[in-house]
Amino acid sequence: MILTAIFFYLFATVTIGAAFMVITARNPVHAVLFLILAFVNSAGLFMLAGAEFLAFILIVVYVGAVAVLFLFVVMMLDVDFAELRSGFLDYLPVGGVVGLIVLAELLLVLGSWVVAPGAIGDPVQPIPDMDQVSNVEALGNILYTRYVFFFQIAGMILLVAMVGAIVLTLHHKDKALRQNIGDQVARTPATAIEVVSDVEPGKGLKG
């Protein structure tokens, strides 16, 4: 029990410190590295809470894909962040209003035990045989049996969204050479070759 408390305070302290460094770091690459550190320690907190699936998703999806991809994009594009910060004061009023709304929502969530004391403590339907299986196995059994159709529909929606984003952002270059399958299939010997018989010796053909 003491070891669990030590790891909890360690992960929580590093997570809070890394999150603070994300918003205060001047170098965007350093900010992304601190964000990865915050994700890793948050995964440790999920492991202590018994939510192994959320910990794995946080490492695989956010650290392994989103954060690393963002890091590569920032390093390769060489974005001029000084120019981006030049219009900061123009958007400050709108950002302040949005920040106040988010702060009010957080205060309402923290004070929900006063507004509705039994909202958080409502009993839920327990997962059968939760003591015999792990968190990931129990979630997989429910996801691929009871909610398998919803899971497949969600995958199809994400696939269509990905293909649509690629189609909308794809720009063809005018000078690029491309194949036309219809023209290739419709070719005949008369259009495919040209027989030239009056070629002078020692001279080639001029296109």
N, C-alpha and C. Protein backbone atom coordinates (compact mmCIF):
# COMPACT_ATOMS: atom_id res chain seq x y z
N MET A 1 0.83 -1.20 0.00
CA MET A 1 0.00 0.00 0.00
C MET A 1 0.87 1.26 0.00
N ILE A 2 1.94 1.24 0.77
CA ILE A 2 2.83 2.39 0.82
C ILE A 2 3.54 2.57 -0.51
N LEU A 3 3.94 1.44 -1.13
CA LEU A 3 4.60 1.52 -2.44
C LEU A 3 3.67 2.09 -3.49
N THR A 4 2.39 1.71 -3.45
CA THR A 4 1.42 2.24 -4.40
C THR A 4 1.25 3.75 -4.23
N ALA A 5 1.19 4.21 -2.97
CA ALA A 5 1.06 5.64 -2.72
C ALA A 5 2.29 6.40 -3.20
N ILE A 6 3.47 5.80 -3.01
CA ILE A 6 4.70 6.47 -3.47
C ILE A 6 4.68 6.63 -4.99
N PHE A 7 4.32 5.55 -5.71
CA PHE A 7 4.27 5.64 -7.17
C PHE A 7 3.18 6.62 -7.62
N PHE A 8 2.06 6.66 -6.90
CA PHE A 8 0.99 7.59 -7.29
C PHE A 8 1.47 9.04 -7.19
N TYR A 9 2.07 9.40 -6.06
CA TYR A 9 2.54 10.77 -5.91
C TYR A 9 3.68 11.08 -6.88
N LEU A 10 4.50 10.09 -7.19
CA LEU A 10 5.58 10.30 -8.14
C LEU A 10 5.04 10.57 -9.54
N PHE A 11 4.11 9.70 -10.00
CA PHE A 11 3.53 9.89 -11.33
C PHE A 11 2.74 11.20 -11.40
N ALA A 12 1.97 11.50 -10.35
CA ALA A 12 1.15 12.71 -10.35
C ALA A 12 2.01 13.96 -10.37
N THR A 13 3.09 13.97 -9.60
CA THR A 13 3.97 15.14 -9.56
C THR A 13 4.64 15.37 -10.90
N VAL A 14 5.16 14.30 -11.50
CA VAL A 14 5.83 14.44 -12.80
C VAL A 14 4.83 14.85 -13.88
N THR A 15 3.61 14.32 -13.81
CA THR A 15 2.59 14.68 -14.80
C THR A 15 2.24 16.16 -14.72
N ILE A 16 2.04 16.66 -13.51
CA ILE A 16 1.70 18.08 -13.34
C ILE A 16 2.87 18.96 -13.79
N GLY A 17 4.08 18.57 -13.40
CA GLY A 17 5.24 19.36 -13.81
C GLY A 17 5.44 19.36 -15.32
N ALA A 18 5.28 18.19 -15.96
CA ALA A 18 5.43 18.11 -17.42
C ALA A 18 4.33 18.90 -18.13
N ALA A 19 3.09 18.85 -17.61
CA ALA A 19 2.00 19.61 -18.22
C ALA A 19 2.27 21.11 -18.12
N PHE A 20 2.83 21.55 -16.99
CA PHE A 20 3.16 22.97 -16.85
C PHE A 20 4.27 23.38 -17.82
N MET A 21 5.23 22.49 -18.03
CA MET A 21 6.32 22.80 -18.95
C MET A 21 5.85 22.80 -20.41
N VAL A 22 4.78 22.06 -20.71
CA VAL A 22 4.25 22.05 -22.08
C VAL A 22 3.77 23.44 -22.48
N ILE A 23 3.10 24.12 -21.55
CA ILE A 23 2.52 25.42 -21.89
C ILE A 23 3.48 26.57 -21.65
N THR A 24 4.62 26.32 -21.01
CA THR A 24 5.58 27.40 -20.74
C THR A 24 6.86 27.28 -21.57
N ALA A 25 7.10 26.14 -22.19
CA ALA A 25 8.33 25.96 -22.96
C ALA A 25 8.30 26.85 -24.21
N ARG A 26 9.40 27.53 -24.46
CA ARG A 26 9.50 28.40 -25.64
C ARG A 26 9.79 27.61 -26.90
N ASN A 27 10.52 26.53 -26.78
CA ASN A 27 10.84 25.69 -27.93
C ASN A 27 9.72 24.68 -28.14
N PRO A 28 9.08 24.66 -29.32
CA PRO A 28 7.97 23.71 -29.55
C PRO A 28 8.42 22.26 -29.49
N VAL A 29 9.65 21.96 -29.86
CA VAL A 29 10.14 20.59 -29.77
C VAL A 29 10.23 20.16 -28.31
N HIS A 30 10.73 21.03 -27.46
CA HIS A 30 10.77 20.71 -26.03
C HIS A 30 9.36 20.54 -25.47
N ALA A 31 8.41 21.34 -25.95
CA ALA A 31 7.03 21.22 -25.49
C ALA A 31 6.45 19.85 -25.83
N VAL A 32 6.74 19.36 -27.03
CA VAL A 32 6.23 18.03 -27.43
C VAL A 32 6.89 16.94 -26.58
N LEU A 33 8.17 17.08 -26.29
CA LEU A 33 8.85 16.08 -25.46
C LEU A 33 8.27 16.07 -24.05
N PHE A 34 7.97 17.23 -23.49
CA PHE A 34 7.32 17.27 -22.18
C PHE A 34 5.91 16.69 -22.26
N LEU A 35 5.23 16.87 -23.39
CA LEU A 35 3.91 16.27 -23.56
C LEU A 35 3.98 14.75 -23.55
N ILE A 36 4.99 14.20 -24.22
CA ILE A 36 5.19 12.75 -24.19
C ILE A 36 5.46 12.27 -22.77
N LEU A 37 6.27 13.02 -22.01
CA LEU A 37 6.53 12.66 -20.62
C LEU A 37 5.25 12.68 -19.79
N ALA A 38 4.39 13.66 -20.04
CA ALA A 38 3.11 13.72 -19.32
C ALA A 38 2.23 12.53 -19.67
N PHE A 39 2.21 12.13 -20.94
CA PHE A 39 1.41 10.98 -21.36
C PHE A 39 1.90 9.69 -20.69
N VAL A 40 3.21 9.51 -20.64
CA VAL A 40 3.76 8.29 -20.06
C VAL A 40 3.41 8.20 -18.57
N ASN A 41 3.53 9.29 -17.85
CA ASN A 41 3.20 9.27 -16.42
C ASN A 41 1.69 9.14 -16.20
N SER A 42 0.88 9.69 -17.10
CA SER A 42 -0.56 9.49 -17.01
C SER A 42 -0.92 8.02 -17.22
N ALA A 43 -0.20 7.36 -18.12
CA ALA A 43 -0.41 5.92 -18.31
C ALA A 43 -0.07 5.16 -17.03
N GLY A 44 0.98 5.60 -16.33
CA GLY A 44 1.30 4.97 -15.05
C GLY A 44 0.18 5.15 -14.03
N LEU A 45 -0.46 6.31 -14.02
CA LEU A 45 -1.60 6.54 -13.12
C LEU A 45 -2.77 5.64 -13.49
N PHE A 46 -3.01 5.45 -14.78
CA PHE A 46 -4.08 4.55 -15.20
C PHE A 46 -3.78 3.11 -14.77
N MET A 47 -2.53 2.71 -14.86
CA MET A 47 -2.17 1.37 -14.42
C MET A 47 -2.42 1.18 -12.92
N LEU A 48 -2.10 2.21 -12.14
CA LEU A 48 -2.36 2.12 -10.70
C LEU A 48 -3.86 2.06 -10.41
N ALA A 49 -4.67 2.70 -11.25
CA ALA A 49 -6.12 2.69 -11.06
C ALA A 49 -6.77 1.42 -11.58
N GLY A 50 -6.01 0.54 -12.22
CA GLY A 50 -6.56 -0.70 -12.73
C GLY A 50 -7.14 -0.60 -14.12
N ALA A 51 -6.90 0.50 -14.82
CA ALA A 51 -7.41 0.68 -16.19
C ALA A 51 -6.27 0.43 -17.16
N GLU A 52 -5.94 -0.84 -17.35
CA GLU A 52 -4.81 -1.18 -18.21
C GLU A 52 -5.06 -0.80 -19.66
N PHE A 53 -6.31 -0.94 -20.11
CA PHE A 53 -6.62 -0.64 -21.51
C PHE A 53 -6.37 0.83 -21.81
N LEU A 54 -6.80 1.73 -20.92
CA LEU A 54 -6.57 3.15 -21.14
C LEU A 54 -5.08 3.48 -21.13
N ALA A 55 -4.32 2.80 -20.29
CA ALA A 55 -2.88 3.02 -20.26
C ALA A 55 -2.23 2.60 -21.58
N PHE A 56 -2.63 1.44 -22.11
CA PHE A 56 -2.08 0.96 -23.38
C PHE A 56 -2.45 1.90 -24.53
N ILE A 57 -3.72 2.35 -24.54
CA ILE A 57 -4.16 3.25 -25.59
C ILE A 57 -3.40 4.57 -25.53
N LEU A 58 -3.15 5.06 -24.32
CA LEU A 58 -2.44 6.32 -24.16
C LEU A 58 -1.01 6.22 -24.70
N ILE A 59 -0.37 5.07 -24.47
CA ILE A 59 1.00 4.89 -24.95
C ILE A 59 1.03 4.65 -26.46
N VAL A 60 0.17 3.74 -26.93
CA VAL A 60 0.23 3.33 -28.35
C VAL A 60 -0.28 4.44 -29.26
N VAL A 61 -1.43 5.03 -28.93
CA VAL A 61 -2.06 5.99 -29.82
C VAL A 61 -1.45 7.39 -29.66
N TYR A 62 -1.46 7.89 -28.44
CA TYR A 62 -1.06 9.28 -28.25
C TYR A 62 0.46 9.45 -28.30
N VAL A 63 1.18 8.62 -27.56
CA VAL A 63 2.64 8.75 -27.57
C VAL A 63 3.22 8.19 -28.86
N GLY A 64 2.78 7.00 -29.26
CA GLY A 64 3.38 6.35 -30.42
C GLY A 64 2.96 6.92 -31.75
N ALA A 65 1.85 7.64 -31.82
CA ALA A 65 1.38 8.14 -33.11
C ALA A 65 1.24 9.66 -33.11
N VAL A 66 0.35 10.18 -32.26
CA VAL A 66 0.02 11.59 -32.34
C VAL A 66 1.20 12.47 -31.93
N ALA A 67 1.76 12.21 -30.75
CA ALA A 67 2.84 13.08 -30.25
C ALA A 67 4.10 12.98 -31.11
N VAL A 68 4.48 11.75 -31.47
CA VAL A 68 5.68 11.58 -32.29
C VAL A 68 5.48 12.19 -33.68
N LEU A 69 4.30 12.01 -34.28
CA LEU A 69 4.01 12.61 -35.58
C LEU A 69 4.06 14.12 -35.49
N PHE A 70 3.48 14.68 -34.45
CA PHE A 70 3.52 16.13 -34.26
C PHE A 70 4.96 16.62 -34.09
N LEU A 71 5.76 15.84 -33.39
CA LEU A 71 7.17 16.20 -33.21
C LEU A 71 7.90 16.23 -34.55
N PHE A 72 7.69 15.22 -35.38
CA PHE A 72 8.33 15.19 -36.69
C PHE A 72 7.85 16.34 -37.57
N VAL A 73 6.56 16.66 -37.51
CA VAL A 73 6.03 17.76 -38.32
C VAL A 73 6.65 19.08 -37.89
N VAL A 74 6.75 19.32 -36.59
CA VAL A 74 7.34 20.56 -36.09
C VAL A 74 8.81 20.66 -36.49
N MET A 75 9.53 19.54 -36.44
CA MET A 75 10.95 19.57 -36.76
C MET A 75 11.20 19.73 -38.26
N MET A 76 10.34 19.15 -39.09
CA MET A 76 10.57 19.19 -40.54
C MET A 76 10.06 20.46 -41.19
N LEU A 77 8.93 20.99 -40.72
CA LEU A 77 8.36 22.17 -41.37
C LEU A 77 9.09 23.45 -41.00
N ASP A 78 9.76 23.48 -39.87
CA ASP A 78 10.49 24.67 -39.42
C ASP A 78 9.55 25.88 -39.40
N VAL A 79 8.49 25.75 -38.61
CA VAL A 79 7.47 26.80 -38.54
C VAL A 79 8.04 28.01 -37.81
N ASP A 80 7.72 29.20 -38.32
CA ASP A 80 8.14 30.44 -37.69
C ASP A 80 7.13 30.78 -36.60
N PHE A 81 7.39 30.37 -35.37
CA PHE A 81 6.45 30.58 -34.28
C PHE A 81 6.43 32.03 -33.82
N ALA A 82 7.47 32.78 -34.09
CA ALA A 82 7.45 34.20 -33.76
C ALA A 82 6.39 34.93 -34.57
N GLU A 83 6.24 34.54 -35.83
CA GLU A 83 5.21 35.13 -36.67
C GLU A 83 3.82 34.72 -36.23
N LEU A 84 3.68 33.47 -35.76
CA LEU A 84 2.37 33.01 -35.29
C LEU A 84 1.95 33.73 -34.02
N ARG A 85 2.91 34.08 -33.17
CA ARG A 85 2.57 34.77 -31.91
C ARG A 85 2.32 36.26 -32.11
N SER A 86 2.56 36.76 -33.32
CA SER A 86 2.43 38.20 -33.53
C SER A 86 0.99 38.67 -33.35
N GLY A 87 0.00 37.84 -33.69
CA GLY A 87 -1.40 38.24 -33.54
C GLY A 87 -2.04 37.72 -32.28
N PHE A 88 -1.23 37.47 -31.25
CA PHE A 88 -1.76 36.89 -30.01
C PHE A 88 -2.71 37.85 -29.32
N LEU A 89 -2.36 39.12 -29.25
CA LEU A 89 -3.18 40.09 -28.54
C LEU A 89 -4.52 40.32 -29.23
N ASP A 90 -4.58 40.10 -30.54
CA ASP A 90 -5.85 40.30 -31.25
C ASP A 90 -6.89 39.27 -30.85
N TYR A 91 -6.43 38.05 -30.54
CA TYR A 91 -7.36 36.98 -30.17
C TYR A 91 -7.48 36.80 -28.66
N LEU A 92 -6.83 37.66 -27.90
CA LEU A 92 -6.86 37.52 -26.45
C LEU A 92 -8.26 37.66 -25.85
N PRO A 93 -9.10 38.61 -26.28
CA PRO A 93 -10.46 38.67 -25.71
C PRO A 93 -11.28 37.41 -25.94
N VAL A 94 -11.23 36.90 -27.18
CA VAL A 94 -11.99 35.68 -27.47
C VAL A 94 -11.44 34.50 -26.67
N GLY A 95 -10.11 34.41 -26.59
CA GLY A 95 -9.51 33.34 -25.79
C GLY A 95 -9.86 33.46 -24.32
N GLY A 96 -9.94 34.68 -23.82
CA GLY A 96 -10.32 34.87 -22.41
C GLY A 96 -11.74 34.41 -22.14
N VAL A 97 -12.65 34.70 -23.07
CA VAL A 97 -14.04 34.26 -22.89
C VAL A 97 -14.13 32.74 -22.91
N VAL A 98 -13.44 32.12 -23.86
CA VAL A 98 -13.43 30.65 -23.93
C VAL A 98 -12.82 30.06 -22.67
N GLY A 99 -11.73 30.66 -22.17
CA GLY A 99 -11.10 30.18 -20.94
C GLY A 99 -12.03 30.28 -19.74
N LEU A 100 -12.79 31.37 -19.65
CA LEU A 100 -13.75 31.51 -18.54
C LEU A 100 -14.86 30.46 -18.62
N ILE A 101 -15.31 30.16 -19.84
CA ILE A 101 -16.34 29.13 -19.99
C ILE A 101 -15.81 27.76 -19.56
N VAL A 102 -14.58 27.43 -19.99
CA VAL A 102 -13.98 26.15 -19.59
C VAL A 102 -13.78 26.10 -18.08
N LEU A 103 -13.34 27.21 -17.49
CA LEU A 103 -13.15 27.26 -16.04
C LEU A 103 -14.47 27.06 -15.31
N ALA A 104 -15.55 27.67 -15.82
CA ALA A 104 -16.86 27.48 -15.20
C ALA A 104 -17.31 26.03 -15.29
N GLU A 105 -17.05 25.38 -16.43
CA GLU A 105 -17.42 23.97 -16.57
C GLU A 105 -16.63 23.10 -15.60
N LEU A 106 -15.34 23.39 -15.44
CA LEU A 106 -14.53 22.61 -14.49
C LEU A 106 -15.02 22.81 -13.06
N LEU A 107 -15.39 24.03 -12.71
CA LEU A 107 -15.91 24.28 -11.36
C LEU A 107 -17.23 23.56 -11.13
N LEU A 108 -18.07 23.51 -12.17
CA LEU A 108 -19.34 22.78 -12.04
C LEU A 108 -19.09 21.28 -11.87
N VAL A 109 -18.09 20.76 -12.59
CA VAL A 109 -17.77 19.34 -12.43
C VAL A 109 -17.23 19.06 -11.04
N LEU A 110 -16.33 19.93 -10.56
CA LEU A 110 -15.78 19.71 -9.22
C LEU A 110 -16.85 19.88 -8.14
N GLY A 111 -17.82 20.72 -8.40
CA GLY A 111 -18.88 20.92 -7.41
C GLY A 111 -20.11 20.09 -7.66
N SER A 112 -20.01 19.06 -8.50
CA SER A 112 -21.19 18.24 -8.80
C SER A 112 -21.68 17.47 -7.59
N TRP A 113 -20.78 17.22 -6.64
CA TRP A 113 -21.23 16.49 -5.44
C TRP A 113 -22.17 17.34 -4.60
N VAL A 114 -22.17 18.65 -4.80
CA VAL A 114 -23.10 19.52 -4.09
C VAL A 114 -24.40 19.64 -4.87
N VAL A 115 -24.28 19.80 -6.21
CA VAL A 115 -25.47 19.94 -7.02
C VAL A 115 -26.25 18.64 -7.08
N ALA A 116 -25.54 17.52 -7.32
CA ALA A 116 -26.17 16.20 -7.39
C ALA A 116 -25.27 15.21 -6.67
N PRO A 117 -25.45 15.03 -5.37
CA PRO A 117 -24.52 14.18 -4.62
C PRO A 117 -24.49 12.74 -5.10
N GLY A 118 -25.61 12.21 -5.62
CA GLY A 118 -25.64 10.81 -6.02
C GLY A 118 -25.35 10.56 -7.48
N ALA A 119 -24.96 11.62 -8.24
CA ALA A 119 -24.75 11.45 -9.68
C ALA A 119 -23.53 10.59 -9.97
N ILE A 120 -22.45 10.81 -9.20
CA ILE A 120 -21.23 10.05 -9.45
C ILE A 120 -21.30 8.66 -8.85
N GLY A 121 -22.01 8.53 -7.75
CA GLY A 121 -22.05 7.25 -7.06
C GLY A 121 -23.16 6.32 -7.49
N ASP A 122 -23.84 6.60 -8.58
CA ASP A 122 -24.91 5.71 -9.04
C ASP A 122 -24.35 4.35 -9.38
N PRO A 123 -25.00 3.29 -8.96
CA PRO A 123 -24.48 1.95 -9.28
C PRO A 123 -24.60 1.65 -10.76
N VAL A 124 -23.62 0.96 -11.29
CA VAL A 124 -23.64 0.53 -12.68
C VAL A 124 -23.66 -0.98 -12.73
N GLN A 125 -24.01 -1.50 -13.89
CA GLN A 125 -24.07 -2.95 -14.06
C GLN A 125 -22.66 -3.52 -14.08
N PRO A 126 -22.31 -4.40 -13.15
CA PRO A 126 -20.95 -4.93 -13.12
C PRO A 126 -20.68 -5.88 -14.28
N ILE A 127 -19.43 -5.97 -14.66
CA ILE A 127 -19.03 -6.90 -15.71
C ILE A 127 -18.95 -8.30 -15.13
N PRO A 128 -19.58 -9.29 -15.75
CA PRO A 128 -19.54 -10.65 -15.21
C PRO A 128 -18.11 -11.18 -15.15
N ASP A 129 -17.84 -11.89 -14.09
CA ASP A 129 -16.54 -12.54 -13.89
C ASP A 129 -15.38 -11.54 -13.96
N MET A 130 -15.59 -10.36 -13.39
CA MET A 130 -14.56 -9.34 -13.43
C MET A 130 -13.34 -9.75 -12.62
N ASP A 131 -13.56 -10.58 -11.61
CA ASP A 131 -12.45 -11.02 -10.78
C ASP A 131 -11.59 -12.06 -11.49
N GLN A 132 -12.17 -12.77 -12.46
CA GLN A 132 -11.44 -13.84 -13.12
C GLN A 132 -10.70 -13.37 -14.37
N VAL A 133 -11.10 -12.26 -14.98
CA VAL A 133 -10.48 -11.78 -16.21
C VAL A 133 -9.90 -10.40 -15.96
N SER A 134 -8.99 -10.00 -16.85
CA SER A 134 -8.37 -8.68 -16.74
C SER A 134 -9.28 -7.61 -17.33
N ASN A 135 -8.87 -6.37 -17.12
CA ASN A 135 -9.64 -5.25 -17.63
C ASN A 135 -9.71 -5.28 -19.15
N VAL A 136 -8.60 -5.55 -19.80
CA VAL A 136 -8.56 -5.56 -21.26
C VAL A 136 -9.40 -6.71 -21.82
N GLU A 137 -9.30 -7.88 -21.21
CA GLU A 137 -10.07 -9.03 -21.71
C GLU A 137 -11.56 -8.81 -21.54
N ALA A 138 -11.98 -8.25 -20.41
CA ALA A 138 -13.40 -8.00 -20.20
C ALA A 138 -13.94 -6.97 -21.18
N LEU A 139 -13.16 -5.92 -21.43
CA LEU A 139 -13.58 -4.90 -22.39
C LEU A 139 -13.64 -5.48 -23.80
N GLY A 140 -12.68 -6.33 -24.16
CA GLY A 140 -12.69 -6.96 -25.48
C GLY A 140 -13.88 -7.89 -25.66
N ASN A 141 -14.23 -8.63 -24.62
CA ASN A 141 -15.39 -9.53 -24.72
C ASN A 141 -16.67 -8.77 -24.96
N ILE A 142 -16.82 -7.62 -24.33
CA ILE A 142 -18.04 -6.82 -24.53
C ILE A 142 -18.01 -6.12 -25.88
N LEU A 143 -16.83 -5.60 -26.25
CA LEU A 143 -16.73 -4.81 -27.48
C LEU A 143 -16.94 -5.66 -28.72
N TYR A 144 -16.46 -6.91 -28.71
CA TYR A 144 -16.54 -7.75 -29.90
C TYR A 144 -17.70 -8.74 -29.86
N THR A 145 -18.56 -8.62 -28.90
CA THR A 145 -19.75 -9.47 -28.86
C THR A 145 -21.02 -8.62 -28.85
N ARG A 146 -21.24 -7.86 -27.79
CA ARG A 146 -22.47 -7.09 -27.66
C ARG A 146 -22.46 -5.86 -28.57
N TYR A 147 -21.31 -5.21 -28.71
CA TYR A 147 -21.24 -3.96 -29.48
C TYR A 147 -20.40 -4.12 -30.75
N VAL A 148 -20.37 -5.32 -31.32
CA VAL A 148 -19.51 -5.55 -32.48
C VAL A 148 -19.98 -4.75 -33.69
N PHE A 149 -21.31 -4.62 -33.89
CA PHE A 149 -21.80 -3.88 -35.05
C PHE A 149 -21.50 -2.39 -34.91
N PHE A 150 -21.67 -1.85 -33.71
CA PHE A 150 -21.34 -0.44 -33.50
C PHE A 150 -19.84 -0.21 -33.68
N PHE A 151 -19.04 -1.18 -33.29
CA PHE A 151 -17.59 -1.07 -33.46
C PHE A 151 -17.23 -1.05 -34.94
N GLN A 152 -17.86 -1.90 -35.74
CA GLN A 152 -17.60 -1.94 -37.17
C GLN A 152 -18.10 -0.67 -37.86
N ILE A 153 -19.25 -0.15 -37.43
CA ILE A 153 -19.77 1.09 -38.01
C ILE A 153 -18.83 2.25 -37.72
N ALA A 154 -18.31 2.30 -36.50
CA ALA A 154 -17.36 3.36 -36.15
C ALA A 154 -16.10 3.26 -37.00
N GLY A 155 -15.62 2.03 -37.24
CA GLY A 155 -14.45 1.86 -38.10
C GLY A 155 -14.71 2.30 -39.53
N MET A 156 -15.90 2.00 -40.07
CA MET A 156 -16.24 2.42 -41.42
C MET A 156 -16.34 3.94 -41.52
N ILE A 157 -16.90 4.58 -40.49
CA ILE A 157 -17.00 6.05 -40.50
C ILE A 157 -15.60 6.67 -40.49
N LEU A 158 -14.70 6.13 -39.69
CA LEU A 158 -13.33 6.65 -39.65
C LEU A 158 -12.63 6.43 -41.00
N LEU A 159 -12.88 5.27 -41.62
CA LEU A 159 -12.26 5.00 -42.93
C LEU A 159 -12.76 5.97 -43.99
N VAL A 160 -14.08 6.21 -44.01
CA VAL A 160 -14.63 7.15 -44.99
C VAL A 160 -14.10 8.56 -44.72
N ALA A 161 -13.99 8.94 -43.46
CA ALA A 161 -13.45 10.26 -43.13
C ALA A 161 -12.00 10.40 -43.58
N MET A 162 -11.21 9.34 -43.41
CA MET A 162 -9.82 9.39 -43.83
C MET A 162 -9.70 9.51 -45.35
N VAL A 163 -10.48 8.71 -46.07
CA VAL A 163 -10.44 8.76 -47.54
C VAL A 163 -10.94 10.12 -48.02
N GLY A 164 -11.99 10.64 -47.40
CA GLY A 164 -12.51 11.95 -47.78
C GLY A 164 -11.50 13.06 -47.55
N ALA A 165 -10.78 13.00 -46.42
CA ALA A 165 -9.75 14.02 -46.15
C ALA A 165 -8.63 13.95 -47.18
N ILE A 166 -8.26 12.73 -47.61
CA ILE A 166 -7.21 12.59 -48.63
C ILE A 166 -7.69 13.14 -49.97
N VAL A 167 -8.93 12.84 -50.34
CA VAL A 167 -9.46 13.31 -51.62
C VAL A 167 -9.57 14.83 -51.64
N LEU A 168 -10.02 15.42 -50.54
CA LEU A 168 -10.21 16.87 -50.50
C LEU A 168 -8.89 17.63 -50.52
N THR A 169 -7.86 17.06 -49.96
CA THR A 169 -6.57 17.75 -49.87
C THR A 169 -5.60 17.35 -50.98
N LEU A 170 -5.98 16.43 -51.86
CA LEU A 170 -5.09 15.98 -52.93
C LEU A 170 -5.16 16.95 -54.11
N HIS A 171 -4.01 17.49 -54.48
CA HIS A 171 -3.93 18.42 -55.61
C HIS A 171 -3.04 17.80 -56.69
N HIS A 172 -3.58 17.69 -57.90
CA HIS A 172 -2.83 17.12 -59.02
C HIS A 172 -1.98 18.21 -59.67
N LYS A 173 -0.76 17.87 -59.97
CA LYS A 173 0.13 18.79 -60.68
C LYS A 173 -0.08 18.65 -62.19
N ASP A 174 -0.06 19.78 -62.87
CA ASP A 174 -0.33 19.77 -64.31
C ASP A 174 0.79 19.09 -65.10
N LYS A 175 2.03 19.23 -64.64
CA LYS A 175 3.17 18.69 -65.39
C LYS A 175 3.47 17.24 -65.05
N ALA A 176 2.75 16.65 -64.12
CA ALA A 176 3.02 15.27 -63.74
C ALA A 176 2.45 14.31 -64.79
N LEU A 177 3.20 13.27 -65.11
CA LEU A 177 2.77 12.26 -66.08
C LEU A 177 1.96 11.20 -65.37
N ARG A 178 0.78 10.90 -65.91
CA ARG A 178 -0.10 9.90 -65.30
C ARG A 178 -0.59 8.92 -66.35
N GLN A 179 -0.93 7.76 -65.89
CA GLN A 179 -1.48 6.74 -66.77
C GLN A 179 -2.98 6.91 -66.90
N ASN A 180 -3.45 6.68 -68.11
CA ASN A 180 -4.88 6.65 -68.39
C ASN A 180 -5.23 5.24 -68.84
N ILE A 181 -5.84 4.49 -67.96
CA ILE A 181 -6.10 3.07 -68.23
C ILE A 181 -7.02 2.91 -69.43
N GLY A 182 -8.00 3.79 -69.57
CA GLY A 182 -8.93 3.68 -70.70
C GLY A 182 -8.24 3.87 -72.03
N ASP A 183 -7.34 4.87 -72.10
CA ASP A 183 -6.61 5.08 -73.36
C ASP A 183 -5.67 3.93 -73.66
N GLN A 184 -5.06 3.35 -72.65
CA GLN A 184 -4.15 2.24 -72.87
C GLN A 184 -4.89 1.00 -73.38
N VAL A 185 -6.05 0.74 -72.82
CA VAL A 185 -6.82 -0.44 -73.26
C VAL A 185 -7.36 -0.24 -74.67
N ALA A 186 -7.69 1.01 -75.04
CA ALA A 186 -8.28 1.29 -76.36
C ALA A 186 -7.25 1.43 -77.46
N ARG A 187 -5.98 1.23 -77.18
CA ARG A 187 -4.95 1.38 -78.21
C ARG A 187 -5.06 0.28 -79.27
N THR A 188 -4.75 0.65 -80.50
CA THR A 188 -4.74 -0.28 -81.62
C THR A 188 -3.36 -0.23 -82.27
N PRO A 189 -3.00 -1.21 -83.11
CA PRO A 189 -1.69 -1.15 -83.79
C PRO A 189 -1.50 0.11 -84.62
N ALA A 190 -2.59 0.65 -85.16
CA ALA A 190 -2.46 1.85 -85.98
C ALA A 190 -2.09 3.07 -85.15
N THR A 191 -2.57 3.12 -83.90
CA THR A 191 -2.26 4.26 -83.03
C THR A 191 -1.07 4.01 -82.12
N ALA A 192 -0.67 2.75 -82.02
CA ALA A 192 0.41 2.43 -81.09
C ALA A 192 1.78 2.61 -81.71
N ILE A 193 1.90 2.35 -83.01
CA ILE A 193 3.22 2.43 -83.65
C ILE A 193 3.13 3.30 -84.90
N GLU A 194 4.27 3.79 -85.33
CA GLU A 194 4.37 4.58 -86.56
C GLU A 194 5.55 4.03 -87.37
N VAL A 195 5.29 3.58 -88.58
CA VAL A 195 6.32 3.01 -89.45
C VAL A 195 6.91 4.12 -90.32
N VAL A 196 8.19 4.30 -90.20
CA VAL A 196 8.91 5.33 -90.96
C VAL A 196 9.91 4.61 -91.85
N SER A 197 9.80 4.81 -93.17
CA SER A 197 10.65 4.08 -94.11
C SER A 197 11.71 4.94 -94.78
N ASP A 198 11.52 6.27 -94.79
CA ASP A 198 12.45 7.14 -95.50
C ASP A 198 13.42 7.81 -94.53
N VAL A 199 14.17 7.01 -93.80
CA VAL A 199 15.16 7.54 -92.87
C VAL A 199 16.51 7.52 -93.54
N GLU A 200 17.19 8.65 -93.56
CA GLU A 200 18.50 8.74 -94.19
C GLU A 200 19.53 8.04 -93.34
N PRO A 201 20.51 7.38 -93.97
CA PRO A 201 21.53 6.68 -93.19
C PRO A 201 22.34 7.63 -92.31
N GLY A 202 22.62 7.21 -91.11
CA GLY A 202 23.42 8.02 -90.19
C GLY A 202 22.67 9.13 -89.51
N LYS A 203 21.38 9.26 -89.74
CA LYS A 203 20.56 10.29 -89.11
C LYS A 203 19.38 9.64 -88.39
N GLY A 204 19.08 10.17 -87.26
CA GLY A 204 17.96 9.63 -86.52
C GLY A 204 16.68 10.39 -86.79
N LEU A 205 15.65 10.03 -86.05
CA LEU A 205 14.35 10.69 -86.19
C LEU A 205 14.27 11.87 -85.22
N LYS A 206 13.66 12.93 -85.68
CA LYS A 206 13.45 14.11 -84.84
C LYS A 206 11.99 14.15 -84.40
N GLY A 207 11.81 14.26 -83.05
CA GLY A 207 10.44 14.29 -82.55
C GLY A 207 9.76 15.62 -82.77
